[in-house]
Amino acid sequence: METALENLSREDLLKVISSRDEKIESLSQERDYLKTQVEMFRRMQFGQRRERFEADPNQTMLPFEADVIAVEQQKEETKEKIEYVRKRPNHHGRAKLPGHLPVEEIEIHPEGDLSDMVCIGKEVTEELECEPARFFIKRYIRYKYAAKNGEGVKIGELPERVIDKGIPGAGLLASILVYKYADHLPLYRQKQRFARENIQIASSTIDGWTKEALLKLEPLYDQLVFDTKSKGYLQADETPIKVLDSDKKGAAHQGYYWVYHAPLDRTVLFDYSPTRGSSAPLPILGNFKGYLQSDGYAVYQKYARSRDITHLACWAHSRREFEKALDNDRPKAETALILIQKLYAIERKAKEGQLNTGAIKEFRLKESLPIINEMGKWMFKEIKSTLPKSQIGKAMAYAYARWDALSAYLYDGSLQIDNNLVENAIRPIALGRKNYLFAGSHEAAQRAAMIYSFFAICKKHEVNPFGWLKYTLENIMSINHKNIKNLYPQNFKNIIR
């Protein structure tokens, strides 16, 4: 072997060394993983000690703050994105406004002293606007003034508009997006709604309006992505979406929305990926540090092996597995379900008592930890005499393989016992899938992810999505990039007070 190595070139020798290093690293990781599994099974057999969940300097403390340098870099990127979106051309021809609609006129005179000036004319700009259940034309009449001494002309400044030189107002665009993405009314049905009011708008025009309005939200969405990645506690889940972009003619591609919920501030992020593979969560979870809560999907397990991540499993998913086993082995399934029910009863007591996070942790260690240890010892004993392929065997194996992750919510009173909050954020997508079936392209699916994110946050914070979106579209291009977080839905209530 040594003689063979001596005959290799320097480049080939480096490749051999690199390959060996990678194999050693892989074996080391596997060894560490197997050691943690053995330790977990030991804790399961003999019970976990309270000290394991007490304050640990290496454990992530919540809430978690983002790196200061990264924050400043994100501000610069947001500034550049706002300037780019503001300047990019977005007008592809102006549709004719219907003549039968009522007109609301807004007269705009130049600011400053006009006593030495005389009005010489006016410029008129019109946009199609909408209030719920009412269409009207908003007409901006900008008066022109010329200096009496002939040294200049002033005209009233037109407010910044969502689509430059386009006819839709912010309210109309907001209503279209709310109807489609919150109320799940497809655009072709909205076109029918326009037609009932004798407003003829081409389908391609409505499609274009939708795209341009969504593009305006990109800077705010990019900020949401940055903030989500810096959270110290995320819940994750994924859901399918059909996309027309496909290699096969006439077939739809199966894409996925990866959804991240930050329970501490109740924000939601939808991120689209064409795949459900391990690379899909990389943009969000690649450098994530903190607590990650998920179901049993293997992709999350891979990220959870990082030293910077504490993985939390979902007791609701474990409970569902035992519910499935009721017809297979009722006595064992009921034993597990009763113990899980006791854990949830403790969570309800903590919520009803309005305990702070410190008190919740203490309450759980006193009440929940003994129940978890009881269930762990019971399963360690029973699983040996249970058929692995039976439904009760599968339920036990599910919990057995995730025992440390199921117990990890005891680390901090801010952590949830299950993943239900992120699942609740995903549910509206199922209704949307039934109504409009698919996204037109991968790019359209990602644009939809932006509005799904913000509408989910609106729901979490009980914010009217129409009011928030109309205000945001009116202000996102003119707001100082340093203050862009003010446009988050959760901050909208402070604006309208």
Protein backbone atom coordinates (compact mmCIF):
# COMPACT_ATOMS: atom_id res chain seq x y z
CA MET A 1 0.00 0.00 0.00
CA GLU A 2 2.85 2.40 0.89
CA THR A 3 4.52 1.67 -2.48
CA ALA A 4 1.27 2.46 -4.29
CA LEU A 5 0.99 5.77 -2.46
CA GLU A 6 4.58 6.67 -3.30
CA ASN A 7 3.79 6.34 -7.02
CA LEU A 8 0.91 8.81 -6.84
CA SER A 9 1.26 12.40 -7.96
CA ARG A 10 0.94 15.19 -5.38
CA GLU A 11 -2.55 16.04 -6.64
CA ASP A 12 -3.77 12.43 -6.44
CA LEU A 13 -2.18 12.02 -3.02
CA LEU A 14 -4.07 15.07 -1.73
CA LYS A 15 -7.29 13.58 -3.06
CA VAL A 16 -6.63 10.31 -1.19
CA ILE A 17 -5.90 12.20 2.03
CA SER A 18 -9.02 14.33 1.60
CA SER A 19 -11.13 11.22 1.00
CA ARG A 20 -9.75 9.57 4.12
CA ASP A 21 -10.37 12.72 6.18
CA GLU A 22 -13.97 12.82 5.01
CA LYS A 23 -14.45 9.15 5.89
CA ILE A 24 -12.93 9.69 9.34
CA GLU A 25 -15.21 12.69 9.93
CA SER A 26 -18.24 10.70 8.79
CA LEU A 27 -17.36 7.78 11.09
CA SER A 28 -16.79 10.21 13.98
CA GLN A 29 -20.21 11.77 13.46
CA GLU A 30 -21.81 8.33 13.29
CA ARG A 31 -20.02 7.29 16.49
CA ASP A 32 -21.19 10.45 18.30
CA TYR A 33 -24.75 9.89 17.08
CA LEU A 34 -24.78 6.25 18.24
CA LYS A 35 -23.39 7.31 21.62
CA THR A 36 -26.20 9.83 22.06
CA GLN A 37 -28.74 7.15 21.08
CA VAL A 38 -27.36 4.75 23.71
CA GLU A 39 -27.46 7.52 26.32
CA MET A 40 -31.04 8.34 25.32
CA PHE A 41 -32.19 4.72 25.72
CA ARG A 42 -30.48 4.62 29.12
CA ARG A 43 -32.40 7.73 30.19
CA MET A 44 -35.56 6.12 28.92
CA GLN A 45 -34.97 2.97 30.96
CA PHE A 46 -34.03 4.67 34.22
CA GLY A 47 -35.73 8.04 33.83
CA GLN A 48 -34.31 11.51 33.18
CA ARG A 49 -32.97 13.62 36.02
CA ARG A 50 -34.27 17.08 36.68
CA GLU A 51 -30.73 18.49 36.55
CA ARG A 52 -30.58 17.78 32.80
CA PHE A 53 -33.17 20.50 32.16
CA GLU A 54 -31.86 23.02 34.66
CA ALA A 55 -29.91 26.10 33.55
CA ASP A 56 -27.04 25.11 31.24
CA PRO A 57 -24.60 27.76 29.93
CA ASN A 58 -24.39 25.87 26.62
CA GLN A 59 -28.17 25.83 26.18
CA THR A 60 -29.87 28.43 23.98
CA MET A 61 -31.54 31.14 26.03
CA LEU A 62 -34.72 32.72 24.71
CA PRO A 63 -35.39 35.25 23.30
CA PHE A 64 -32.50 35.12 20.83
CA GLU A 65 -30.94 38.26 19.27
CA ALA A 66 -29.48 38.47 15.76
CA ASP A 67 -25.83 39.37 15.17
CA VAL A 68 -25.36 43.17 15.01
CA ILE A 69 -23.16 43.07 11.89
CA ALA A 70 -25.68 40.86 10.09
CA VAL A 71 -28.47 43.30 11.01
CA GLU A 72 -26.59 46.25 9.46
CA GLN A 73 -25.85 44.23 6.32
CA GLN A 74 -29.53 43.34 5.99
CA LYS A 75 -30.49 47.03 6.25
CA GLU A 76 -28.24 47.83 3.30
CA GLU A 77 -29.69 44.96 1.26
CA THR A 78 -33.22 46.15 2.06
CA LYS A 79 -32.33 49.69 0.96
CA GLU A 80 -30.98 48.40 -2.37
CA LYS A 81 -34.05 46.17 -2.92
CA ILE A 82 -36.49 49.06 -2.28
CA GLU A 83 -34.60 51.31 -4.70
CA TYR A 84 -34.52 48.55 -7.34
CA VAL A 85 -38.23 47.70 -7.06
CA ARG A 86 -39.14 51.40 -7.12
CA LYS A 87 -37.18 52.04 -10.33
CA ARG A 88 -37.95 48.86 -12.29
CA PRO A 89 -40.40 49.38 -15.16
CA ASN A 90 -43.77 47.79 -14.44
CA HIS A 91 -46.13 49.34 -16.99
CA HIS A 92 -47.08 47.34 -20.08
CA GLY A 93 -49.87 49.49 -21.49
CA ARG A 94 -52.75 51.36 -19.88
CA ALA A 95 -56.24 49.88 -19.86
CA LYS A 96 -59.14 52.26 -20.54
CA LEU A 97 -61.13 53.23 -17.48
CA PRO A 98 -64.91 52.59 -17.66
CA GLY A 99 -66.91 55.79 -18.02
CA HIS A 100 -69.94 54.79 -15.95
CA LEU A 101 -68.22 54.71 -12.55
CA PRO A 102 -68.55 57.53 -10.03
CA VAL A 103 -65.50 59.77 -9.73
CA GLU A 104 -63.86 61.01 -6.56
CA GLU A 105 -61.75 64.08 -7.30
CA ILE A 106 -58.74 65.02 -5.20
CA GLU A 107 -57.33 68.48 -5.86
CA ILE A 108 -53.63 68.87 -5.18
CA HIS A 109 -52.05 72.31 -5.13
CA PRO A 110 -48.29 72.91 -4.90
CA GLU A 111 -46.93 73.42 -1.41
CA GLY A 112 -45.59 76.76 -0.26
CA ASP A 113 -46.58 80.38 -0.87
CA LEU A 114 -48.61 80.71 -4.13
CA SER A 115 -49.61 84.37 -3.70
CA ASP A 116 -47.15 85.52 -6.38
CA MET A 117 -48.19 82.76 -8.81
CA VAL A 118 -51.11 82.25 -11.15
CA CYS A 119 -52.73 78.93 -12.08
CA ILE A 120 -52.00 78.14 -15.74
CA GLY A 121 -53.54 74.69 -16.03
CA LYS A 122 -53.71 71.27 -14.50
CA GLU A 123 -52.71 67.66 -15.11
CA VAL A 124 -55.17 64.84 -14.48
CA THR A 125 -54.16 61.32 -13.37
CA GLU A 126 -56.78 58.63 -12.91
CA GLU A 127 -56.68 55.22 -11.23
CA LEU A 128 -59.31 52.57 -10.74
CA GLU A 129 -59.88 52.22 -7.00
CA CYS A 130 -61.97 49.91 -4.89
CA GLU A 131 -63.59 49.80 -1.50
CA PRO A 132 -65.21 46.55 -0.37
CA ALA A 133 -68.37 46.12 -2.47
CA ARG A 134 -67.84 49.49 -4.20
CA PHE A 135 -65.84 50.42 -7.28
CA PHE A 136 -65.04 54.04 -8.04
CA ILE A 137 -62.52 56.15 -9.93
CA LYS A 138 -60.06 58.18 -7.93
CA ARG A 139 -59.11 61.22 -9.99
CA TYR A 140 -56.06 63.24 -8.99
CA ILE A 141 -56.24 66.79 -10.34
CA ARG A 142 -52.86 68.45 -9.97
CA TYR A 143 -52.96 72.17 -10.50
CA LYS A 144 -50.10 73.97 -12.19
CA TYR A 145 -48.92 77.38 -11.09
CA ALA A 146 -46.56 79.71 -12.92
CA ALA A 147 -44.66 82.54 -11.33
CA LYS A 148 -46.03 85.96 -12.30
CA ASN A 149 -42.53 87.03 -13.14
CA GLY A 150 -42.19 84.04 -15.50
CA GLU A 151 -39.42 82.37 -13.50
CA GLY A 152 -40.86 78.89 -13.04
CA VAL A 153 -43.83 76.54 -12.85
CA LYS A 154 -44.99 74.44 -9.88
CA ILE A 155 -47.42 71.53 -9.88
CA GLY A 156 -48.98 69.49 -7.09
CA GLU A 157 -46.95 66.33 -6.40
CA LEU A 158 -48.64 63.04 -7.28
CA PRO A 159 -48.57 60.50 -4.42
CA GLU A 160 -46.39 57.45 -5.04
CA ARG A 161 -48.42 54.75 -6.77
CA VAL A 162 -48.13 50.97 -6.64
CA ILE A 163 -48.01 50.54 -10.41
CA ASP A 164 -46.59 53.62 -12.08
CA LYS A 165 -48.87 54.84 -14.88
CA GLY A 166 -51.19 51.87 -14.25
CA ILE A 167 -54.86 52.24 -13.39
CA PRO A 168 -55.24 50.08 -10.25
CA GLY A 169 -55.11 51.78 -6.87
CA ALA A 170 -53.66 50.25 -3.73
CA GLY A 171 -57.13 49.35 -2.46
CA LEU A 172 -58.06 47.49 -5.65
CA LEU A 173 -54.78 45.56 -5.67
CA ALA A 174 -55.17 44.74 -1.97
CA SER A 175 -58.70 43.43 -2.54
CA ILE A 176 -57.57 41.22 -5.45
CA LEU A 177 -54.79 39.67 -3.35
CA VAL A 178 -56.99 39.22 -0.29
CA TYR A 179 -59.74 37.59 -2.36
CA LYS A 180 -57.26 35.19 -3.95
CA TYR A 181 -54.84 34.30 -1.17
CA ALA A 182 -56.94 34.80 1.97
CA ASP A 183 -60.45 34.05 0.67
CA HIS A 184 -59.24 31.63 -2.04
CA LEU A 185 -61.20 33.22 -4.88
CA PRO A 186 -59.36 32.49 -8.16
CA LEU A 187 -58.60 35.39 -10.51
CA TYR A 188 -60.98 34.12 -13.20
CA ARG A 189 -63.85 34.37 -10.71
CA GLN A 190 -62.74 37.86 -9.76
CA LYS A 191 -62.85 38.75 -13.44
CA GLN A 192 -66.48 37.62 -13.41
CA ARG A 193 -67.04 39.86 -10.41
CA PHE A 194 -65.68 42.83 -12.36
CA ALA A 195 -67.88 41.93 -15.32
CA ARG A 196 -71.00 42.02 -13.13
CA GLU A 197 -70.17 45.67 -12.44
CA ASN A 198 -69.72 46.25 -16.21
CA ILE A 199 -65.94 46.61 -15.77
CA GLN A 200 -64.20 44.68 -18.53
CA ILE A 201 -60.63 43.80 -17.57
CA ALA A 202 -58.59 41.18 -19.42
CA SER A 203 -57.36 38.15 -17.50
CA SER A 204 -53.77 38.94 -18.50
CA THR A 205 -54.17 42.43 -17.05
CA ILE A 206 -55.36 41.09 -13.69
CA ASP A 207 -52.50 38.58 -13.71
CA GLY A 208 -50.05 41.42 -14.34
CA TRP A 209 -51.51 43.54 -11.55
CA THR A 210 -51.20 40.62 -9.13
CA LYS A 211 -47.56 39.99 -10.06
CA GLU A 212 -46.57 43.65 -9.77
CA ALA A 213 -48.26 44.07 -6.39
CA LEU A 214 -46.52 40.98 -5.03
CA LEU A 215 -43.14 42.18 -6.32
CA LYS A 216 -43.56 45.35 -4.28
CA LEU A 217 -43.58 43.22 -1.13
CA GLU A 218 -40.15 41.67 -1.83
CA PRO A 219 -38.13 44.03 0.43
CA LEU A 220 -40.48 43.36 3.35
CA TYR A 221 -40.39 39.61 2.70
CA ASP A 222 -36.57 39.62 2.53
CA GLN A 223 -36.53 41.32 5.93
CA LEU A 224 -38.92 38.67 7.26
CA VAL A 225 -36.59 35.92 5.97
CA PHE A 226 -33.63 37.54 7.75
CA ASP A 227 -35.55 37.95 11.00
CA THR A 228 -36.88 34.38 10.85
CA LYS A 229 -33.41 32.90 10.40
CA SER A 230 -32.21 34.77 13.49
CA LYS A 231 -34.96 33.47 15.77
CA GLY A 232 -33.87 31.12 18.52
CA TYR A 233 -37.00 28.98 18.31
CA LEU A 234 -38.74 27.82 15.14
CA GLN A 235 -41.45 25.30 14.37
CA ALA A 236 -41.24 23.79 10.88
CA ASP A 237 -43.54 21.87 8.58
CA GLU A 238 -44.13 21.48 4.84
CA THR A 239 -47.12 21.14 2.52
CA PRO A 240 -47.41 20.32 -1.22
CA ILE A 241 -48.38 22.72 -4.02
CA LYS A 242 -48.91 21.87 -7.69
CA VAL A 243 -46.89 23.99 -10.15
CA LEU A 244 -47.40 24.08 -13.91
CA ASP A 245 -43.66 24.18 -14.61
CA SER A 246 -42.93 20.56 -15.40
CA ASP A 247 -40.59 18.59 -17.63
CA LYS A 248 -43.54 16.48 -18.74
CA LYS A 249 -45.97 18.06 -21.17
CA GLY A 250 -49.43 18.47 -19.68
CA ALA A 251 -48.26 17.47 -16.18
CA ALA A 252 -47.89 19.57 -13.06
CA HIS A 253 -44.79 19.60 -10.89
CA GLN A 254 -45.13 18.71 -7.21
CA GLY A 255 -43.55 21.57 -5.29
CA TYR A 256 -43.58 22.30 -1.58
CA TYR A 257 -44.12 25.19 0.77
CA TRP A 258 -41.76 24.96 3.73
CA VAL A 259 -43.36 26.83 6.61
CA TYR A 260 -41.59 28.26 9.67
CA HIS A 261 -43.42 29.62 12.69
CA ALA A 262 -41.70 31.66 15.41
CA PRO A 263 -43.91 31.14 18.49
CA LEU A 264 -42.32 33.90 20.58
CA ASP A 265 -43.51 36.72 18.31
CA ARG A 266 -46.08 34.75 16.26
CA THR A 267 -44.57 35.33 12.83
CA VAL A 268 -44.87 32.90 9.93
CA LEU A 269 -42.62 32.41 6.91
CA PHE A 270 -43.58 30.45 3.79
CA ASP A 271 -40.67 29.47 1.55
CA TYR A 272 -41.22 27.64 -1.76
CA SER A 273 -39.01 24.82 -3.00
CA PRO A 274 -39.46 22.53 -6.03
CA THR A 275 -38.35 19.62 -3.85
CA ARG A 276 -39.03 17.99 -0.49
CA GLY A 277 -35.42 16.85 -0.23
CA SER A 278 -32.84 17.77 2.38
CA SER A 279 -31.63 20.81 0.39
CA ALA A 280 -35.01 22.56 0.56
CA PRO A 281 -34.76 23.96 4.14
CA LEU A 282 -31.11 24.97 3.65
CA PRO A 283 -31.85 28.69 2.97
CA ILE A 284 -33.53 29.01 6.38
CA LEU A 285 -32.02 26.24 8.51
CA GLY A 286 -28.51 26.14 7.03
CA ASN A 287 -27.03 28.38 9.75
CA PHE A 288 -29.87 28.17 12.23
CA LYS A 289 -29.04 28.12 15.94
CA GLY A 290 -31.53 27.36 18.68
CA TYR A 291 -34.59 25.18 19.15
CA LEU A 292 -36.14 23.51 16.10
CA GLN A 293 -39.50 21.77 16.51
CA SER A 294 -40.88 19.46 13.84
CA ASP A 295 -42.70 16.24 13.09
CA GLY A 296 -40.81 13.01 12.40
CA TYR A 297 -39.81 13.76 8.80
CA ALA A 298 -36.21 12.61 8.26
CA VAL A 299 -35.04 15.90 6.68
CA TYR A 300 -35.55 17.74 9.98
CA GLN A 301 -33.67 14.98 11.80
CA LYS A 302 -30.66 15.68 9.60
CA TYR A 303 -30.58 19.38 10.53
CA ALA A 304 -31.30 18.55 14.18
CA ARG A 305 -27.96 16.72 14.46
CA SER A 306 -26.17 20.06 14.33
CA ARG A 307 -24.46 20.99 17.61
CA ASP A 308 -26.14 24.40 17.43
CA ILE A 309 -29.67 22.96 17.31
CA THR A 310 -31.80 21.41 20.04
CA HIS A 311 -34.49 19.34 18.37
CA LEU A 312 -38.03 19.31 19.75
CA ALA A 313 -40.43 16.60 18.63
CA CYS A 314 -44.22 16.93 18.59
CA TRP A 315 -46.35 15.19 21.22
CA ALA A 316 -49.44 15.65 19.02
CA HIS A 317 -47.86 13.48 16.31
CA SER A 318 -46.92 10.85 18.87
CA ARG A 319 -50.46 10.90 20.23
CA ARG A 320 -51.88 10.37 16.72
CA GLU A 321 -49.75 7.25 16.31
CA PHE A 322 -51.18 5.75 19.50
CA GLU A 323 -54.73 6.73 18.45
CA LYS A 324 -54.21 4.70 15.26
CA ALA A 325 -53.24 1.72 17.45
CA LEU A 326 -56.49 1.64 19.46
CA ASP A 327 -57.96 -1.03 17.17
CA ASN A 328 -54.71 -3.02 17.25
CA ASP A 329 -53.94 -3.13 20.99
CA ARG A 330 -56.40 -1.04 22.99
CA PRO A 331 -54.93 -1.63 26.50
CA LYS A 332 -51.41 -0.50 25.52
CA ALA A 333 -52.64 2.35 23.33
CA GLU A 334 -54.94 3.65 26.07
CA THR A 335 -52.12 3.49 28.64
CA ALA A 336 -49.99 5.74 26.42
CA LEU A 337 -52.87 8.08 25.58
CA ILE A 338 -53.79 8.55 29.25
CA LEU A 339 -50.22 9.54 30.08
CA ILE A 340 -50.07 11.95 27.12
CA GLN A 341 -53.43 13.40 28.19
CA LYS A 342 -51.94 14.16 31.60
CA LEU A 343 -49.10 16.10 29.93
CA TYR A 344 -51.61 18.24 28.03
CA ALA A 345 -53.64 18.79 31.20
CA ILE A 346 -50.53 20.27 32.81
CA GLU A 347 -50.10 22.60 29.80
CA ARG A 348 -53.71 23.79 30.18
CA LYS A 349 -53.19 24.51 33.88
CA ALA A 350 -50.07 26.54 33.10
CA LYS A 351 -51.97 28.55 30.48
CA GLU A 352 -55.01 29.13 32.69
CA GLY A 353 -52.72 30.21 35.53
CA GLN A 354 -51.05 32.77 33.20
CA LEU A 355 -47.65 31.68 34.47
CA ASN A 356 -44.50 33.37 33.19
CA THR A 357 -41.91 31.31 31.32
CA GLY A 358 -39.79 30.67 34.42
CA ALA A 359 -42.78 29.45 36.39
CA ILE A 360 -43.92 27.28 33.47
CA LYS A 361 -40.55 25.55 33.34
CA GLU A 362 -40.60 24.92 37.08
CA PHE A 363 -44.19 23.63 36.91
CA ARG A 364 -43.31 21.25 34.07
CA LEU A 365 -40.24 19.88 35.86
CA LYS A 366 -42.36 19.21 38.94
CA GLU A 367 -45.47 17.79 37.20
CA SER A 368 -44.57 16.69 33.64
CA LEU A 369 -41.11 15.16 34.12
CA PRO A 370 -42.36 12.33 36.39
CA ILE A 371 -45.05 11.45 33.83
CA ILE A 372 -42.52 11.44 30.96
CA ASN A 373 -40.23 9.18 32.98
CA GLU A 374 -43.12 6.86 33.81
CA MET A 375 -44.05 6.57 30.14
CA GLY A 376 -40.43 6.05 29.09
CA LYS A 377 -39.89 3.18 31.54
CA TRP A 378 -43.22 1.63 30.51
CA MET A 379 -42.34 1.74 26.81
CA PHE A 380 -38.80 0.44 27.38
CA LYS A 381 -40.35 -2.59 29.06
CA GLU A 382 -43.31 -3.15 26.68
CA ILE A 383 -41.57 -2.62 23.35
CA LYS A 384 -39.52 -5.79 23.81
CA SER A 385 -42.68 -7.94 23.67
CA THR A 386 -44.46 -5.93 20.93
CA LEU A 387 -44.44 -6.86 17.26
CA PRO A 388 -42.46 -4.11 15.45
CA LYS A 389 -44.74 -4.08 12.38
CA SER A 390 -47.98 -3.90 14.36
CA GLN A 391 -49.65 -0.49 14.70
CA ILE A 392 -48.89 -0.34 18.44
CA GLY A 393 -45.31 -1.36 17.65
CA LYS A 394 -45.01 1.50 15.14
CA ALA A 395 -46.48 3.96 17.65
CA MET A 396 -43.98 2.91 20.31
CA ALA A 397 -41.10 2.99 17.82
CA TYR A 398 -42.08 6.53 16.78
CA ALA A 399 -41.90 7.81 20.36
CA TYR A 400 -38.97 5.54 21.29
CA ALA A 401 -36.73 6.94 18.54
CA ARG A 402 -37.54 10.55 19.50
CA TRP A 403 -37.60 10.33 23.28
CA ASP A 404 -35.05 13.07 23.97
CA ALA A 405 -36.71 15.34 21.40
CA LEU A 406 -40.13 14.70 22.97
CA SER A 407 -38.71 15.64 26.38
CA ALA A 408 -36.82 18.74 25.15
CA TYR A 409 -39.72 21.17 25.65
CA LEU A 410 -38.84 20.99 29.37
CA TYR A 411 -35.71 23.09 28.72
CA ASP A 412 -37.55 26.42 28.55
CA GLY A 413 -41.00 27.67 29.51
CA SER A 414 -41.31 29.42 26.13
CA LEU A 415 -41.23 26.11 24.25
CA GLN A 416 -44.39 24.38 23.03
CA ILE A 417 -45.38 20.79 23.71
CA ASP A 418 -46.32 20.23 20.07
CA ASN A 419 -46.12 21.59 16.53
CA ASN A 420 -49.81 22.50 16.25
CA LEU A 421 -49.22 26.24 15.85
CA VAL A 422 -47.34 25.85 12.57
CA GLU A 423 -49.87 23.27 11.34
CA ASN A 424 -52.64 25.82 11.96
CA ALA A 425 -50.78 28.31 9.76
CA ILE A 426 -50.69 25.77 6.91
CA ARG A 427 -54.38 24.81 6.95
CA PRO A 428 -55.63 27.69 4.74
CA ILE A 429 -53.35 26.42 1.93
CA ALA A 430 -55.43 23.24 1.66
CA LEU A 431 -58.53 25.28 0.82
CA GLY A 432 -56.57 27.34 -1.69
CA ARG A 433 -55.38 24.17 -3.42
CA LYS A 434 -58.98 23.05 -3.92
CA ASN A 435 -60.02 26.37 -5.46
CA TYR A 436 -57.21 27.37 -7.80
CA LEU A 437 -55.46 23.99 -8.06
CA PHE A 438 -51.93 25.11 -8.95
CA ALA A 439 -49.37 27.90 -9.31
CA GLY A 440 -48.46 28.99 -12.84
CA SER A 441 -44.69 28.71 -12.36
CA HIS A 442 -42.01 28.21 -9.73
CA GLU A 443 -41.57 32.01 -9.60
CA ALA A 444 -45.32 32.49 -9.08
CA ALA A 445 -45.29 29.91 -6.29
CA GLN A 446 -42.52 31.84 -4.50
CA ARG A 447 -44.38 35.14 -4.96
CA ALA A 448 -47.44 33.49 -3.45
CA ALA A 449 -45.26 32.36 -0.53
CA MET A 450 -44.67 36.02 0.31
CA ILE A 451 -48.33 36.91 0.63
CA TYR A 452 -49.16 33.64 2.40
CA SER A 453 -46.53 34.58 4.99
CA PHE A 454 -47.99 38.01 5.69
CA PHE A 455 -51.62 36.88 5.68
CA ALA A 456 -50.71 34.12 8.15
CA ILE A 457 -49.15 36.76 10.42
CA CYS A 458 -52.29 38.89 10.04
CA LYS A 459 -54.34 35.93 11.25
CA LYS A 460 -52.02 35.27 14.19
CA HIS A 461 -52.29 38.90 15.32
CA GLU A 462 -55.97 39.44 14.40
CA VAL A 463 -55.14 42.12 11.82
CA ASN A 464 -57.47 42.91 8.91
CA PRO A 465 -55.42 41.73 5.88
CA PHE A 466 -57.06 44.21 3.50
CA GLY A 467 -56.33 47.24 5.70
CA TRP A 468 -52.76 46.12 6.32
CA LEU A 469 -52.02 45.34 2.65
CA LYS A 470 -53.53 48.57 1.32
CA TYR A 471 -51.46 50.62 3.78
CA THR A 472 -48.31 48.62 3.00
CA LEU A 473 -48.65 48.97 -0.78
CA GLU A 474 -49.15 52.72 -0.36
CA ASN A 475 -46.04 53.14 1.79
CA ILE A 476 -43.47 50.44 1.04
CA MET A 477 -41.75 52.33 -1.77
CA SER A 478 -41.34 55.55 0.20
CA ILE A 479 -40.57 54.24 3.70
CA ASN A 480 -37.05 54.59 5.07
CA HIS A 481 -35.41 51.17 4.71
CA LYS A 482 -34.36 51.33 8.37
CA ASN A 483 -38.02 51.45 9.38
CA ILE A 484 -39.31 48.73 7.07
CA LYS A 485 -40.22 46.50 10.02
CA ASN A 486 -42.92 49.03 10.84
CA LEU A 487 -44.85 47.54 7.91
CA TYR A 488 -45.04 44.10 9.49
CA PRO A 489 -48.69 43.11 10.11
CA GLN A 490 -48.11 42.83 13.87
CA ASN A 491 -47.14 46.52 13.93
CA PHE A 492 -50.15 47.68 11.90
CA LYS A 493 -52.40 48.04 14.97
CA ASN A 494 -50.03 50.67 16.35
CA ILE A 495 -50.23 52.62 13.07
CA ILE A 496 -54.03 52.82 12.86
CA ARG A 497 -54.58 53.82 16.50
